[in-house]
Amino acid sequence: MNAYSLTEGLYLYPTPAGAYYAACSVETDKPRQFLRALLKQQQTCALNVANLQQLMSQDEEQKCMELLHHCQKLGWIQGLDAVLEYPQGALEEILPELLSKISEHGKVLLADSQGFYLVSHGFPHEVAEELSALSAEIATVHERRSGLLMNNMGLASHAWAVIDATGNSQVGFWPLFIGNNRFVVAISGIPHFNQPEFVSLVWALSIRYAAK
């Protein structure tokens, strides 16, 4: 049996990859449940056994350590030296700045499942409306053909894109599943999901739409 030890004085926080894994699918597994629980907290939790047991809904310390190690090995979790508070402010005030950091060209929007955009940055109003409507239509097609894409071809991603001749995304549609809600981030150019602002985006949406 492997022996694990916790580094004292750290606070648990998802990495951009971890935030993406938490929100990219409706599927539920233990790592995703853990990451989603972290994203429902008003501030980062201290790294200790008691907090792990609560976040993971698991009483056995060894299993908590194993799950934490698994998430760390995959680059889904990180330890911060200081407490980080939930992004403050109304969503309509903080989301445009967060969204602008994850787009190559600064053109990005957040749409709901009905095809209406909640926040847009860099797109003209008319373009944002059309892209939002298109995102809902793409979701319908994806759901209709999910048997082929996911079961037959093993393509687990829900994202779609319009690509150029070299395969680079010109406009991409990336769903985020937050609680019972499905949002879509539509991005012009290559997405920059590896930014800390992406974690803040998923965190803000999780607090608003997924927290109990």
Protein backbone atom coordinates (compact mmCIF):
# COMPACT_ATOMS: atom_id res chain seq x y z
CA MET A 1 0.00 0.00 0.00
CA ASN A 2 1.37 3.41 -0.95
CA ALA A 3 1.98 5.88 1.85
CA TYR A 4 0.87 9.43 1.14
CA SER A 5 1.55 12.60 3.09
CA LEU A 6 0.02 16.06 2.74
CA THR A 7 2.06 19.22 2.38
CA GLU A 8 1.04 21.60 5.12
CA GLY A 9 -0.03 25.18 4.50
CA LEU A 10 -1.50 24.70 1.02
CA TYR A 11 -4.98 25.43 -0.33
CA LEU A 12 -6.73 23.27 -2.92
CA TYR A 13 -7.56 24.79 -6.29
CA PRO A 14 -8.28 23.28 -9.71
CA THR A 15 -5.85 23.90 -12.54
CA PRO A 16 -7.24 25.13 -15.88
CA ALA A 17 -7.17 21.50 -17.07
CA GLY A 18 -9.04 20.45 -13.94
CA ALA A 19 -11.68 23.14 -14.36
CA TYR A 20 -12.17 22.06 -17.97
CA TYR A 21 -12.51 18.41 -16.97
CA ALA A 22 -15.05 19.34 -14.31
CA ALA A 23 -17.28 21.20 -16.77
CA CYS A 24 -16.74 19.57 -20.17
CA SER A 25 -19.19 16.70 -19.73
CA VAL A 26 -22.36 15.67 -17.94
CA GLU A 27 -20.72 12.36 -17.04
CA THR A 28 -19.95 11.88 -13.36
CA ASP A 29 -16.94 10.12 -11.86
CA LYS A 30 -15.10 10.55 -8.57
CA PRO A 31 -12.46 13.02 -9.85
CA ARG A 32 -15.11 15.15 -11.53
CA GLN A 33 -17.27 15.12 -8.39
CA PHE A 34 -14.28 16.25 -6.33
CA LEU A 35 -13.38 19.04 -8.73
CA ARG A 36 -16.99 20.22 -8.90
CA ALA A 37 -17.16 20.26 -5.10
CA LEU A 38 -14.07 22.48 -5.00
CA LEU A 39 -15.67 24.87 -7.48
CA LYS A 40 -18.73 25.28 -5.24
CA GLN A 41 -16.69 26.71 -2.36
CA GLN A 42 -16.63 30.44 -1.64
CA GLN A 43 -12.88 30.25 -1.05
CA THR A 44 -10.10 27.70 -1.52
CA CYS A 45 -10.08 24.95 1.10
CA ALA A 46 -7.08 24.15 3.26
CA LEU A 47 -5.36 20.91 2.31
CA ASN A 48 -6.13 18.54 5.15
CA VAL A 49 -7.75 15.15 5.61
CA ALA A 50 -11.01 16.48 7.03
CA ASN A 51 -11.59 18.77 4.05
CA LEU A 52 -10.72 16.00 1.60
CA GLN A 53 -13.20 13.67 3.25
CA GLN A 54 -15.94 16.27 3.01
CA LEU A 55 -15.18 17.33 -0.57
CA MET A 56 -14.88 13.74 -1.78
CA SER A 57 -17.80 12.39 0.29
CA GLN A 58 -15.42 9.68 1.40
CA ASP A 59 -14.63 8.67 4.99
CA GLU A 60 -11.65 6.43 4.23
CA GLU A 61 -8.47 8.50 4.44
CA GLN A 62 -6.49 6.20 2.14
CA LYS A 63 -9.05 6.46 -0.65
CA CYS A 64 -9.05 10.25 -0.31
CA MET A 65 -5.28 10.28 -0.66
CA GLU A 66 -5.42 8.02 -3.69
CA LEU A 67 -7.98 10.22 -5.44
CA LEU A 68 -5.99 13.36 -4.64
CA HIS A 69 -2.83 11.74 -6.00
CA HIS A 70 -4.70 10.68 -9.15
CA CYS A 71 -5.93 14.24 -9.77
CA GLN A 72 -2.48 15.67 -9.07
CA LYS A 73 -0.82 13.20 -11.44
CA LEU A 74 -3.20 14.22 -14.23
CA GLY A 75 -2.55 17.92 -13.58
CA TRP A 76 -6.11 18.67 -12.47
CA ILE A 77 -5.35 20.05 -9.02
CA GLN A 78 -2.84 22.46 -7.56
CA GLY A 79 -1.85 23.74 -4.13
CA LEU A 80 -1.84 27.50 -3.51
CA ASP A 81 0.21 29.19 -0.80
CA ALA A 82 -2.62 31.53 0.23
CA VAL A 83 -6.41 31.54 0.38
CA LEU A 84 -8.11 32.61 -2.85
CA GLU A 85 -11.58 34.12 -2.65
CA TYR A 86 -14.41 33.54 -5.10
CA PRO A 87 -14.42 36.20 -7.88
CA GLN A 88 -16.35 39.14 -6.47
CA GLY A 89 -18.93 41.15 -8.38
CA ALA A 90 -22.03 40.56 -10.46
CA LEU A 91 -21.57 38.07 -13.30
CA GLU A 92 -22.35 40.66 -15.95
CA GLU A 93 -19.49 42.76 -14.55
CA ILE A 94 -16.78 40.12 -14.12
CA LEU A 95 -17.46 37.71 -17.00
CA PRO A 96 -16.44 39.97 -19.93
CA GLU A 97 -12.92 40.40 -18.53
CA LEU A 98 -12.58 36.69 -17.74
CA LEU A 99 -13.83 35.67 -21.17
CA SER A 100 -11.53 38.09 -23.00
CA LYS A 101 -8.46 36.30 -21.59
CA ILE A 102 -9.34 32.91 -23.05
CA SER A 103 -9.65 34.00 -26.68
CA GLU A 104 -6.81 34.43 -29.15
CA HIS A 105 -8.49 37.44 -30.78
CA GLY A 106 -10.48 38.76 -27.82
CA LYS A 107 -13.72 37.69 -29.51
CA VAL A 108 -15.73 35.39 -27.27
CA LEU A 109 -19.23 34.96 -25.89
CA LEU A 110 -21.11 32.88 -23.37
CA ALA A 111 -24.47 31.50 -24.49
CA ASP A 112 -27.16 29.50 -22.72
CA SER A 113 -28.85 26.30 -23.87
CA GLN A 114 -31.66 28.26 -25.53
CA GLY A 115 -29.29 30.05 -27.88
CA PHE A 116 -29.19 33.45 -26.19
CA TYR A 117 -25.90 35.04 -25.27
CA LEU A 118 -25.40 36.13 -21.68
CA VAL A 119 -22.12 37.98 -22.18
CA SER A 120 -20.20 38.93 -25.32
CA HIS A 121 -16.77 40.47 -25.79
CA GLY A 122 -15.45 41.63 -29.14
CA PHE A 123 -18.37 40.44 -31.29
CA PRO A 124 -20.93 42.87 -32.76
CA HIS A 125 -24.39 42.35 -31.30
CA GLU A 126 -25.82 40.80 -34.47
CA VAL A 127 -22.92 38.36 -34.80
CA ALA A 128 -23.20 37.39 -31.14
CA GLU A 129 -26.91 36.67 -31.57
CA GLU A 130 -26.32 34.46 -34.62
CA LEU A 131 -23.42 32.57 -33.02
CA SER A 132 -25.48 31.93 -29.92
CA ALA A 133 -28.35 30.56 -31.97
CA LEU A 134 -25.90 28.41 -33.92
CA SER A 135 -24.48 27.01 -30.68
CA ALA A 136 -27.92 25.74 -29.69
CA GLU A 137 -28.43 24.14 -33.12
CA ILE A 138 -25.03 22.43 -32.89
CA ALA A 139 -25.95 21.06 -29.47
CA THR A 140 -29.10 19.55 -30.95
CA VAL A 141 -27.15 17.89 -33.76
CA HIS A 142 -24.52 16.62 -31.33
CA GLU A 143 -27.15 15.09 -29.07
CA ARG A 144 -28.87 13.46 -32.04
CA ARG A 145 -25.59 11.93 -33.28
CA SER A 146 -23.98 11.21 -29.91
CA GLY A 147 -24.37 7.47 -30.46
CA LEU A 148 -22.09 7.63 -33.48
CA LEU A 149 -19.63 10.16 -32.10
CA MET A 150 -19.25 8.86 -28.58
CA ASN A 151 -20.19 5.19 -28.68
CA ASN A 152 -19.03 4.09 -32.13
CA MET A 153 -16.09 6.45 -32.64
CA GLY A 154 -15.09 7.02 -29.03
CA LEU A 155 -15.13 10.82 -29.36
CA ALA A 156 -15.94 12.05 -25.87
CA SER A 157 -15.70 15.75 -26.65
CA HIS A 158 -18.86 17.83 -27.02
CA ALA A 159 -16.99 20.71 -28.72
CA TRP A 160 -17.43 21.66 -32.38
CA ALA A 161 -15.44 24.06 -34.55
CA VAL A 162 -15.23 25.65 -37.98
CA ILE A 163 -11.65 24.97 -39.04
CA ASP A 164 -9.27 26.26 -41.70
CA ALA A 165 -7.29 24.21 -44.23
CA THR A 166 -4.63 23.37 -41.64
CA GLY A 167 -7.15 22.19 -39.07
CA ASN A 168 -6.99 25.24 -36.81
CA SER A 169 -10.20 26.50 -35.26
CA GLN A 170 -11.66 29.65 -36.78
CA VAL A 171 -14.72 29.63 -34.56
CA GLY A 172 -15.17 27.02 -31.84
CA PHE A 173 -18.13 26.09 -29.65
CA TRP A 174 -17.18 24.67 -26.27
CA PRO A 175 -19.95 23.53 -23.91
CA LEU A 176 -19.67 23.96 -20.16
CA PHE A 177 -21.99 21.82 -18.05
CA ILE A 178 -22.62 23.58 -14.75
CA GLY A 179 -25.12 21.89 -12.46
CA ASN A 180 -28.21 21.26 -14.57
CA ASN A 181 -27.26 24.03 -17.00
CA ARG A 182 -25.52 23.84 -20.34
CA PHE A 183 -23.57 26.88 -21.44
CA VAL A 184 -21.47 27.35 -24.57
CA VAL A 185 -18.34 29.43 -24.92
CA ALA A 186 -18.02 30.50 -28.57
CA ILE A 187 -14.49 31.65 -29.41
CA SER A 188 -12.94 33.21 -32.49
CA GLY A 189 -9.57 31.61 -33.11
CA ILE A 190 -7.69 29.17 -30.94
CA PRO A 191 -9.00 28.97 -27.35
CA HIS A 192 -6.66 29.76 -24.47
CA PHE A 193 -8.21 27.58 -21.78
CA ASN A 194 -4.83 27.22 -20.07
CA GLN A 195 -5.23 30.64 -18.43
CA PRO A 196 -6.11 31.17 -14.74
CA GLU A 197 -9.09 33.26 -15.88
CA PHE A 198 -10.68 30.07 -17.23
CA VAL A 199 -10.69 28.59 -13.73
CA SER A 200 -12.24 31.81 -12.43
CA LEU A 201 -14.90 31.62 -15.17
CA VAL A 202 -15.93 28.07 -14.27
CA TRP A 203 -15.76 28.93 -10.56
CA ALA A 204 -18.02 31.97 -10.98
CA LEU A 205 -20.57 29.98 -12.99
CA SER A 206 -20.46 27.09 -10.51
CA ILE A 207 -21.14 29.36 -7.54
CA ARG A 208 -24.05 30.98 -9.37
CA TYR A 209 -25.61 27.94 -11.04
CA ALA A 210 -24.36 24.78 -9.33
CA ALA A 211 -23.84 25.62 -5.64
CA LYS A 212 -26.60 24.45 -3.32
